[in-house]
Amino acid sequence: MNHLSPIEIGFLGSLAAGLMTAVGAVPILLGRAPGKATRDMSLGFAAGVMLSASFFSLIIPGLEAASVRYGEGAIPAAIAVAGILAGMALVAILNEVLPHEHFKSGVEGPASESLRRIWLFIIAITIHNFPEGLAVGVGFGAHGAAGGMPLAIGIGLQNLPEGLAVAVALLGEGYGPWRAWSIAALTGLVEPVGGLIGAAVISVSEPLLPWGLTFAAGAMLYVISHEIIPETHRSGHQNKATFGLAIGLVLMLFLDVWLG
């Protein structure tokens, strides 16, 4: 991949990660959808991967990049704080202004009777997946394959249970297996859009590097806290979900140190 630009690698890496959503949803085509406890543990794993990636693959490199440019002291820390809060704020705003529906908590955002429920679901998953693609793109744009590969692998792994969860929920809403799988697969395709944007912004302007890294981390942290962890704790499987989170966190840490 040395002959590819960081932008091209960022797009392809986030595309590969997004396609894992389709792979994760395959069991519903085979009639082997797991139980709720297993799904909650798997989503806990996804949260652990994202949590670890936020800190070890994004925030810490962001602090290091800011320190190289501005020296030690308060400025790098202030940039990280501002970037994280800006990323969280963007996803929070999207949650408020875009009508969408969660599988458990119902409709959020402005009322929109003209939108069919399936589009409300798709918008919700799009809000969820975009920060993941953004993070992968920023990783590749910042440090090439070495910086983006751990993120792409980690996000790809956590997309497996997410794809399955979306497809199973759609089955519960009355959609057939193939239609549920197709919709789950399509929700992953927003990630290369985020990846392209993240890689392009970082590649064009080096001073934006610490901002981009910490912004992507903040966006993912919001999704973890607002979406994934509450979902895994709703049905009384918090112990299994916490176990899954622990495994995902340490696995992503290992990948980041090993491949990064």
C-alpha atoms as a PDB file:
ATOM      1  CA  MET A   1       0.000   0.000   0.000  1.00  0.00           C
ATOM      2  CA  ASN A   2       3.059   2.260  -0.110  1.00  0.00           C
ATOM      3  CA  HIS A   3       2.077   3.645  -3.530  1.00  0.00           C
ATOM      4  CA  LEU A   4      -1.309   4.773  -2.224  1.00  0.00           C
ATOM      5  CA  SER A   5      -1.813   8.200  -0.679  1.00  0.00           C
ATOM      6  CA  PRO A   6      -2.929   8.497   2.980  1.00  0.00           C
ATOM      7  CA  ILE A   7      -6.340   9.638   1.726  1.00  0.00           C
ATOM      8  CA  GLU A   8      -6.746   6.539  -0.457  1.00  0.00           C
ATOM      9  CA  ILE A   9      -5.556   4.255   2.313  1.00  0.00           C
ATOM     10  CA  GLY A  10      -7.895   5.984   4.774  1.00  0.00           C
ATOM     11  CA  PHE A  11     -10.851   5.446   2.464  1.00  0.00           C
ATOM     12  CA  LEU A  12     -10.017   1.784   1.786  1.00  0.00           C
ATOM     13  CA  GLY A  13      -9.264   1.039   5.440  1.00  0.00           C
ATOM     14  CA  SER A  14     -12.538   2.538   6.651  1.00  0.00           C
ATOM     15  CA  LEU A  15     -14.392   0.769   3.817  1.00  0.00           C
ATOM     16  CA  ALA A  16     -12.976  -2.569   4.929  1.00  0.00           C
ATOM     17  CA  ALA A  17     -13.956  -1.837   8.519  1.00  0.00           C
ATOM     18  CA  GLY A  18     -17.460  -0.817   7.445  1.00  0.00           C
ATOM     19  CA  LEU A  19     -17.946  -3.982   5.393  1.00  0.00           C
ATOM     20  CA  MET A  20     -17.419  -6.039   8.548  1.00  0.00           C
ATOM     21  CA  THR A  21     -20.905  -4.882   9.544  1.00  0.00           C
ATOM     22  CA  ALA A  22     -22.257  -7.020   6.698  1.00  0.00           C
ATOM     23  CA  VAL A  23     -20.110  -9.974   7.779  1.00  0.00           C
ATOM     24  CA  GLY A  24     -21.405  -9.692  11.339  1.00  0.00           C
ATOM     25  CA  ALA A  25     -25.010  -9.889  10.155  1.00  0.00           C
ATOM     26  CA  VAL A  26     -24.495 -13.134   8.166  1.00  0.00           C
ATOM     27  CA  PRO A  27     -25.753 -15.474  10.958  1.00  0.00           C
ATOM     28  CA  ILE A  28     -29.322 -14.252  10.459  1.00  0.00           C
ATOM     29  CA  LEU A  29     -29.178 -15.600   6.897  1.00  0.00           C
ATOM     30  CA  LEU A  30     -28.250 -18.978   8.360  1.00  0.00           C
ATOM     31  CA  GLY A  31     -31.018 -18.916  10.957  1.00  0.00           C
ATOM     32  CA  ARG A  32     -28.516 -18.828  13.831  1.00  0.00           C
ATOM     33  CA  ALA A  33     -29.078 -15.504  15.533  1.00  0.00           C
ATOM     34  CA  PRO A  34     -27.644 -15.582  19.085  1.00  0.00           C
ATOM     35  CA  GLY A  35     -29.583 -14.829  22.247  1.00  0.00           C
ATOM     36  CA  LYS A  36     -29.871 -11.410  23.860  1.00  0.00           C
ATOM     37  CA  ALA A  37     -27.217 -12.150  26.504  1.00  0.00           C
ATOM     38  CA  THR A  38     -24.659 -13.045  23.833  1.00  0.00           C
ATOM     39  CA  ARG A  39     -25.525  -9.960  21.818  1.00  0.00           C
ATOM     40  CA  ASP A  40     -25.123  -7.727  24.860  1.00  0.00           C
ATOM     41  CA  MET A  41     -21.733  -9.263  25.614  1.00  0.00           C
ATOM     42  CA  SER A  42     -20.721  -8.729  21.993  1.00  0.00           C
ATOM     43  CA  LEU A  43     -21.819  -5.096  22.083  1.00  0.00           C
ATOM     44  CA  GLY A  44     -19.877  -4.709  25.337  1.00  0.00           C
ATOM     45  CA  PHE A  45     -16.866  -5.987  23.400  1.00  0.00           C
ATOM     46  CA  ALA A  46     -17.529  -3.318  20.745  1.00  0.00           C
ATOM     47  CA  ALA A  47     -17.657  -0.629  23.438  1.00  0.00           C
ATOM     48  CA  GLY A  48     -14.347  -1.838  24.882  1.00  0.00           C
ATOM     49  CA  VAL A  49     -12.652  -1.691  21.482  1.00  0.00           C
ATOM     50  CA  MET A  50     -13.927   1.839  20.873  1.00  0.00           C
ATOM     51  CA  LEU A  51     -12.962   2.981  24.378  1.00  0.00           C
ATOM     52  CA  SER A  52      -9.430   1.660  24.031  1.00  0.00           C
ATOM     53  CA  ALA A  53      -9.076   3.057  20.511  1.00  0.00           C
ATOM     54  CA  SER A  54     -10.256   6.470  21.687  1.00  0.00           C
ATOM     55  CA  PHE A  55      -7.452   6.780  24.206  1.00  0.00           C
ATOM     56  CA  PHE A  56      -4.547   4.709  22.914  1.00  0.00           C
ATOM     57  CA  SER A  57      -4.990   5.313  19.163  1.00  0.00           C
ATOM     58  CA  LEU A  58      -6.383   8.849  19.154  1.00  0.00           C
ATOM     59  CA  ILE A  59      -6.095  10.906  22.348  1.00  0.00           C
ATOM     60  CA  ILE A  60      -2.527   9.926  23.302  1.00  0.00           C
ATOM     61  CA  PRO A  61      -1.190  10.406  19.719  1.00  0.00           C
ATOM     62  CA  GLY A  62      -3.113  13.684  19.617  1.00  0.00           C
ATOM     63  CA  LEU A  63      -1.393  14.877  22.776  1.00  0.00           C
ATOM     64  CA  GLU A  64       1.974  13.818  21.380  1.00  0.00           C
ATOM     65  CA  ALA A  65       1.358  15.674  18.112  1.00  0.00           C
ATOM     66  CA  ALA A  66       0.321  18.812  19.992  1.00  0.00           C
ATOM     67  CA  SER A  67       3.403  18.573  22.215  1.00  0.00           C
ATOM     68  CA  VAL A  68       5.704  18.374  19.191  1.00  0.00           C
ATOM     69  CA  ARG A  69       4.139  21.510  17.737  1.00  0.00           C
ATOM     70  CA  TYR A  70       3.535  23.590  20.886  1.00  0.00           C
ATOM     71  CA  GLY A  71       5.929  22.093  23.440  1.00  0.00           C
ATOM     72  CA  GLU A  72       5.121  20.676  26.849  1.00  0.00           C
ATOM     73  CA  GLY A  73       2.645  22.448  29.058  1.00  0.00           C
ATOM     74  CA  ALA A  74      -0.994  23.433  29.109  1.00  0.00           C
ATOM     75  CA  ILE A  75      -1.535  24.043  25.385  1.00  0.00           C
ATOM     76  CA  PRO A  76      -1.474  20.355  24.275  1.00  0.00           C
ATOM     77  CA  ALA A  77      -3.825  19.450  27.108  1.00  0.00           C
ATOM     78  CA  ALA A  78      -6.150  22.331  26.240  1.00  0.00           C
ATOM     79  CA  ILE A  79      -6.235  21.266  22.582  1.00  0.00           C
ATOM     80  CA  ALA A  80      -7.114  17.687  23.601  1.00  0.00           C
ATOM     81  CA  VAL A  81      -9.875  18.901  25.908  1.00  0.00           C
ATOM     82  CA  ALA A  82     -11.325  21.181  23.234  1.00  0.00           C
ATOM     83  CA  GLY A  83     -11.085  18.511  20.524  1.00  0.00           C
ATOM     84  CA  ILE A  84     -12.771  15.837  22.643  1.00  0.00           C
ATOM     85  CA  LEU A  85     -15.597  18.148  23.705  1.00  0.00           C
ATOM     86  CA  ALA A  86     -16.104  19.337  20.120  1.00  0.00           C
ATOM     87  CA  GLY A  87     -16.381  15.738  18.883  1.00  0.00           C
ATOM     88  CA  MET A  88     -18.881  14.857  21.593  1.00  0.00           C
ATOM     89  CA  ALA A  89     -20.847  18.035  20.915  1.00  0.00           C
ATOM     90  CA  LEU A  90     -21.157  17.303  17.197  1.00  0.00           C
ATOM     91  CA  VAL A  91     -22.668  13.855  17.744  1.00  0.00           C
ATOM     92  CA  ALA A  92     -24.936  15.257  20.478  1.00  0.00           C
ATOM     93  CA  ILE A  93     -26.177  17.930  18.046  1.00  0.00           C
ATOM     94  CA  LEU A  94     -26.775  15.325  15.341  1.00  0.00           C
ATOM     95  CA  ASN A  95     -28.830  13.361  17.873  1.00  0.00           C
ATOM     96  CA  GLU A  96     -30.968  16.433  18.475  1.00  0.00           C
ATOM     97  CA  VAL A  97     -31.481  17.717  14.936  1.00  0.00           C
ATOM     98  CA  LEU A  98     -31.820  14.461  12.982  1.00  0.00           C
ATOM     99  CA  PRO A  99     -34.981  12.409  13.541  1.00  0.00           C
ATOM    100  CA  HIS A 100     -33.975   8.866  14.379  1.00  0.00           C
ATOM    101  CA  GLU A 101     -35.153   5.861  16.349  1.00  0.00           C
ATOM    102  CA  HIS A 102     -33.333   3.463  18.638  1.00  0.00           C
ATOM    103  CA  PHE A 103     -34.352  -0.153  18.939  1.00  0.00           C
ATOM    104  CA  LYS A 104     -35.079   0.142  22.672  1.00  0.00           C
ATOM    105  CA  SER A 105     -35.496   3.779  23.691  1.00  0.00           C
ATOM    106  CA  GLY A 106     -37.628   4.785  20.714  1.00  0.00           C
ATOM    107  CA  VAL A 107     -37.792   7.991  18.702  1.00  0.00           C
ATOM    108  CA  GLU A 108     -35.373  10.843  19.397  1.00  0.00           C
ATOM    109  CA  GLY A 109     -34.784  14.162  17.686  1.00  0.00           C
ATOM    110  CA  PRO A 110     -37.542  16.264  16.085  1.00  0.00           C
ATOM    111  CA  ALA A 111     -40.856  14.648  15.239  1.00  0.00           C
ATOM    112  CA  SER A 112     -41.015  13.397  11.687  1.00  0.00           C
ATOM    113  CA  GLU A 113     -44.111  11.423  10.834  1.00  0.00           C
ATOM    114  CA  SER A 114     -43.234  11.464   7.139  1.00  0.00           C
ATOM    115  CA  LEU A 115     -40.185   9.256   7.659  1.00  0.00           C
ATOM    116  CA  ARG A 116     -40.781   5.525   7.735  1.00  0.00           C
ATOM    117  CA  ARG A 117     -39.454   3.692  10.781  1.00  0.00           C
ATOM    118  CA  ILE A 118     -36.801   1.931   8.767  1.00  0.00           C
ATOM    119  CA  TRP A 119     -35.267   5.275   7.775  1.00  0.00           C
ATOM    120  CA  LEU A 120     -35.309   6.391  11.387  1.00  0.00           C
ATOM    121  CA  PHE A 121     -33.319   3.254  12.238  1.00  0.00           C
ATOM    122  CA  ILE A 122     -30.881   3.883   9.404  1.00  0.00           C
ATOM    123  CA  ILE A 123     -30.292   7.490  10.506  1.00  0.00           C
ATOM    124  CA  ALA A 124     -29.600   6.287  14.054  1.00  0.00           C
ATOM    125  CA  ILE A 125     -26.995   3.796  12.875  1.00  0.00           C
ATOM    126  CA  THR A 126     -25.482   6.399  10.544  1.00  0.00           C
ATOM    127  CA  ILE A 127     -25.002   8.779  13.476  1.00  0.00           C
ATOM    128  CA  HIS A 128     -23.364   5.881  15.297  1.00  0.00           C
ATOM    129  CA  ASN A 129     -21.054   4.677  12.512  1.00  0.00           C
ATOM    130  CA  PHE A 130     -19.788   7.962  11.108  1.00  0.00           C
ATOM    131  CA  PRO A 131     -17.408   8.698  14.026  1.00  0.00           C
ATOM    132  CA  GLU A 132     -15.889   5.241  13.654  1.00  0.00           C
ATOM    133  CA  GLY A 133     -15.043   5.820  10.003  1.00  0.00           C
ATOM    134  CA  LEU A 134     -13.769   9.290  10.874  1.00  0.00           C
ATOM    135  CA  ALA A 135     -11.416   7.789  13.462  1.00  0.00           C
ATOM    136  CA  VAL A 136      -9.999   5.258  11.000  1.00  0.00           C
ATOM    137  CA  GLY A 137      -9.489   7.930   8.354  1.00  0.00           C
ATOM    138  CA  VAL A 138      -7.772  10.256  10.816  1.00  0.00           C
ATOM    139  CA  GLY A 139      -5.479   7.416  11.893  1.00  0.00           C
ATOM    140  CA  PHE A 140      -4.375   6.687   8.332  1.00  0.00           C
ATOM    141  CA  GLY A 141      -4.135  10.366   7.434  1.00  0.00           C
ATOM    142  CA  ALA A 142      -1.984  11.100  10.482  1.00  0.00           C
ATOM    143  CA  HIS A 143       0.487   8.224  10.437  1.00  0.00           C
ATOM    144  CA  GLY A 144      -0.153   6.167   7.291  1.00  0.00           C
ATOM    145  CA  ALA A 145      -0.673   2.423   7.479  1.00  0.00           C
ATOM    146  CA  ALA A 146       1.118   2.115  10.835  1.00  0.00           C
ATOM    147  CA  GLY A 147      -1.233   4.592  12.475  1.00  0.00           C
ATOM    148  CA  GLY A 148      -4.458   3.496  10.831  1.00  0.00           C
ATOM    149  CA  MET A 149      -4.146  -0.284  10.709  1.00  0.00           C
ATOM    150  CA  PRO A 150      -4.788  -0.953  14.432  1.00  0.00           C
ATOM    151  CA  LEU A 151      -7.841   1.306  14.266  1.00  0.00           C
ATOM    152  CA  ALA A 152      -9.149  -0.321  11.087  1.00  0.00           C
ATOM    153  CA  ILE A 153      -8.779  -3.813  12.561  1.00  0.00           C
ATOM    154  CA  GLY A 154     -10.260  -2.809  15.910  1.00  0.00           C
ATOM    155  CA  ILE A 155     -13.233  -0.955  14.425  1.00  0.00           C
ATOM    156  CA  GLY A 156     -13.764  -3.827  11.986  1.00  0.00           C
ATOM    157  CA  LEU A 157     -13.884  -6.310  14.865  1.00  0.00           C
ATOM    158  CA  GLN A 158     -16.378  -4.250  16.826  1.00  0.00           C
ATOM    159  CA  ASN A 159     -18.539  -3.830  13.714  1.00  0.00           C
ATOM    160  CA  LEU A 160     -19.198  -7.584  13.728  1.00  0.00           C
ATOM    161  CA  PRO A 161     -21.495  -7.565  16.788  1.00  0.00           C
ATOM    162  CA  GLU A 162     -22.979  -4.224  15.776  1.00  0.00           C
ATOM    163  CA  GLY A 163     -24.021  -5.573  12.374  1.00  0.00           C
ATOM    164  CA  LEU A 164     -25.575  -8.611  14.010  1.00  0.00           C
ATOM    165  CA  ALA A 165     -27.430  -6.488  16.570  1.00  0.00           C
ATOM    166  CA  VAL A 166     -28.914  -4.262  13.866  1.00  0.00           C
ATOM    167  CA  ALA A 167     -29.995  -7.221  11.737  1.00  0.00           C
ATOM    168  CA  VAL A 168     -31.560  -9.085  14.676  1.00  0.00           C
ATOM    169  CA  ALA A 169     -33.450  -5.971  15.756  1.00  0.00           C
ATOM    170  CA  LEU A 170     -34.799  -5.551  12.224  1.00  0.00           C
ATOM    171  CA  LEU A 171     -35.906  -9.182  12.231  1.00  0.00           C
ATOM    172  CA  GLY A 172     -37.833  -8.393  15.399  1.00  0.00           C
ATOM    173  CA  GLU A 173     -39.551  -5.541  13.581  1.00  0.00           C
ATOM    174  CA  GLY A 174     -40.867  -7.936  10.952  1.00  0.00           C
ATOM    175  CA  TYR A 175     -38.253  -7.654   8.204  1.00  0.00           C
ATOM    176  CA  GLY A 176     -37.166 -10.770   6.338  1.00  0.00           C
ATOM    177  CA  PRO A 177     -33.623 -12.141   6.777  1.00  0.00           C
ATOM    178  CA  TRP A 178     -32.274 -10.887   3.451  1.00  0.00           C
ATOM    179  CA  ARG A 179     -33.774  -7.434   3.838  1.00  0.00           C
ATOM    180  CA  ALA A 180     -32.532  -7.158   7.427  1.00  0.00           C
ATOM    181  CA  TRP A 181     -29.037  -8.253   6.334  1.00  0.00           C
ATOM    182  CA  SER A 182     -29.027  -5.798   3.427  1.00  0.00           C
ATOM    183  CA  ILE A 183     -29.980  -2.853   5.619  1.00  0.00           C
ATOM    184  CA  ALA A 184     -27.381  -3.816   8.229  1.00  0.00           C
ATOM    185  CA  ALA A 185     -24.754  -4.025   5.491  1.00  0.00           C
ATOM    186  CA  LEU A 186     -25.687  -0.615   4.108  1.00  0.00           C
ATOM    187  CA  THR A 187     -25.371   1.057   7.515  1.00  0.00           C
ATOM    188  CA  GLY A 188     -21.659   0.187   7.500  1.00  0.00           C
ATOM    189  CA  LEU A 189     -21.077   2.051   4.252  1.00  0.00           C
ATOM    190  CA  VAL A 190     -21.192   5.446   5.974  1.00  0.00           C
ATOM    191  CA  GLU A 191     -17.823   4.610   7.530  1.00  0.00           C
ATOM    192  CA  PRO A 192     -15.747   5.106   4.344  1.00  0.00           C
ATOM    193  CA  VAL A 193     -17.408   8.515   3.980  1.00  0.00           C
ATOM    194  CA  GLY A 194     -16.165   9.449   7.432  1.00  0.00           C
ATOM    195  CA  GLY A 195     -12.814   7.844   6.655  1.00  0.00           C
ATOM    196  CA  LEU A 196     -12.387   9.877   3.484  1.00  0.00           C
ATOM    197  CA  ILE A 197     -13.214  13.131   5.270  1.00  0.00           C
ATOM    198  CA  GLY A 198     -10.921  12.366   8.217  1.00  0.00           C
ATOM    199  CA  ALA A 199      -7.943  11.337   6.087  1.00  0.00           C
ATOM    200  CA  ALA A 200      -8.372  14.292   3.716  1.00  0.00           C
ATOM    201  CA  VAL A 201      -8.551  16.936   6.434  1.00  0.00           C
ATOM    202  CA  ILE A 202      -5.510  15.597   8.294  1.00  0.00           C
ATOM    203  CA  SER A 203      -3.474  15.116   5.116  1.00  0.00           C
ATOM    204  CA  VAL A 204      -4.138  18.644   3.857  1.00  0.00           C
ATOM    205  CA  SER A 205      -3.373  20.494   7.104  1.00  0.00           C
ATOM    206  CA  GLU A 206      -0.805  19.136   9.562  1.00  0.00           C
ATOM    207  CA  PRO A 207      -1.682  21.703  12.289  1.00  0.00           C
ATOM    208  CA  LEU A 208      -5.140  20.095  12.429  1.00  0.00           C
ATOM    209  CA  LEU A 209      -3.639  16.714  13.377  1.00  0.00           C
ATOM    210  CA  PRO A 210      -4.057  16.947  17.181  1.00  0.00           C
ATOM    211  CA  TRP A 211      -7.495  18.464  16.713  1.00  0.00           C
ATOM    212  CA  GLY A 212      -8.604  15.740  14.311  1.00  0.00           C
ATOM    213  CA  LEU A 213      -7.359  12.902  16.507  1.00  0.00           C
ATOM    214  CA  THR A 214      -9.015  14.172  19.672  1.00  0.00           C
ATOM    215  CA  PHE A 215     -12.193  15.217  17.814  1.00  0.00           C
ATOM    216  CA  ALA A 216     -12.619  11.675  16.470  1.00  0.00           C
ATOM    217  CA  ALA A 217     -12.035  10.308  19.968  1.00  0.00           C
ATOM    218  CA  GLY A 218     -14.688  12.568  21.450  1.00  0.00           C
ATOM    219  CA  ALA A 219     -17.228  11.535  18.825  1.00  0.00           C
ATOM    220  CA  MET A 220     -16.626   7.863  19.608  1.00  0.00           C
ATOM    221  CA  LEU A 221     -16.745   8.434  23.375  1.00  0.00           C
ATOM    222  CA  TYR A 222     -20.179  10.014  23.020  1.00  0.00           C
ATOM    223  CA  VAL A 223     -21.448   7.011  21.075  1.00  0.00           C
ATOM    224  CA  ILE A 224     -20.064   4.628  23.722  1.00  0.00           C
ATOM    225  CA  SER A 225     -21.740   6.437  26.600  1.00  0.00           C
ATOM    226  CA  HIS A 226     -24.986   7.471  24.907  1.00  0.00           C
ATOM    227  CA  GLU A 227     -25.679   4.431  22.749  1.00  0.00           C
ATOM    228  CA  ILE A 228     -23.748   1.230  23.314  1.00  0.00           C
ATOM    229  CA  ILE A 229     -23.346   0.849  27.098  1.00  0.00           C
ATOM    230  CA  PRO A 230     -26.975   1.773  27.939  1.00  0.00           C
ATOM    231  CA  GLU A 231     -28.141  -0.720  25.302  1.00  0.00           C
ATOM    232  CA  THR A 232     -26.075  -3.553  26.828  1.00  0.00           C
ATOM    233  CA  HIS A 233     -27.428  -2.875  30.349  1.00  0.00           C
ATOM    234  CA  ARG A 234     -31.153  -2.699  29.558  1.00  0.00           C
ATOM    235  CA  SER A 235     -31.906  -6.415  29.762  1.00  0.00           C
ATOM    236  CA  GLY A 236     -30.020  -7.341  32.935  1.00  0.00           C
ATOM    237  CA  HIS A 237     -26.879  -8.678  31.225  1.00  0.00           C
ATOM    238  CA  GLN A 238     -24.517  -6.019  32.536  1.00  0.00           C
ATOM    239  CA  ASN A 239     -22.061  -8.562  33.975  1.00  0.00           C
ATOM    240  CA  LYS A 240     -21.594 -10.238  30.606  1.00  0.00           C
ATOM    241  CA  ALA A 241     -21.503  -6.869  28.876  1.00  0.00           C
ATOM    242  CA  THR A 242     -18.765  -5.675  31.250  1.00  0.00           C
ATOM    243  CA  PHE A 243     -16.784  -8.850  30.595  1.00  0.00           C
ATOM    244  CA  GLY A 244     -17.102  -8.217  26.862  1.00  0.00           C
ATOM    245  CA  LEU A 245     -15.981  -4.611  27.357  1.00  0.00           C
ATOM    246  CA  ALA A 246     -12.883  -5.741  29.259  1.00  0.00           C
ATOM    247  CA  ILE A 247     -11.906  -8.208  26.512  1.00  0.00           C
ATOM    248  CA  GLY A 248     -12.464  -5.637  23.772  1.00  0.00           C
ATOM    249  CA  LEU A 249     -10.447  -3.006  25.631  1.00  0.00           C
ATOM    250  CA  VAL A 250      -7.372  -5.164  26.228  1.00  0.00           C
ATOM    251  CA  LEU A 251      -7.520  -6.703  22.735  1.00  0.00           C
ATOM    252  CA  MET A 252      -7.515  -3.247  21.134  1.00  0.00           C
ATOM    253  CA  LEU A 253      -4.694  -2.177  23.439  1.00  0.00           C
ATOM    254  CA  PHE A 254      -2.669  -5.215  22.351  1.00  0.00           C
ATOM    255  CA  LEU A 255      -3.353  -4.552  18.664  1.00  0.00           C
ATOM    256  CA  ASP A 256      -2.397  -0.904  19.005  1.00  0.00           C
ATOM    257  CA  VAL A 257       0.923  -1.667  20.701  1.00  0.00           C
ATOM    258  CA  TRP A 258       1.707  -4.639  18.440  1.00  0.00           C
ATOM    259  CA  LEU A 259       0.766  -3.111  15.085  1.00  0.00           C
ATOM    260  CA  GLY A 260       1.364   0.546  15.887  1.00  0.00           C
END
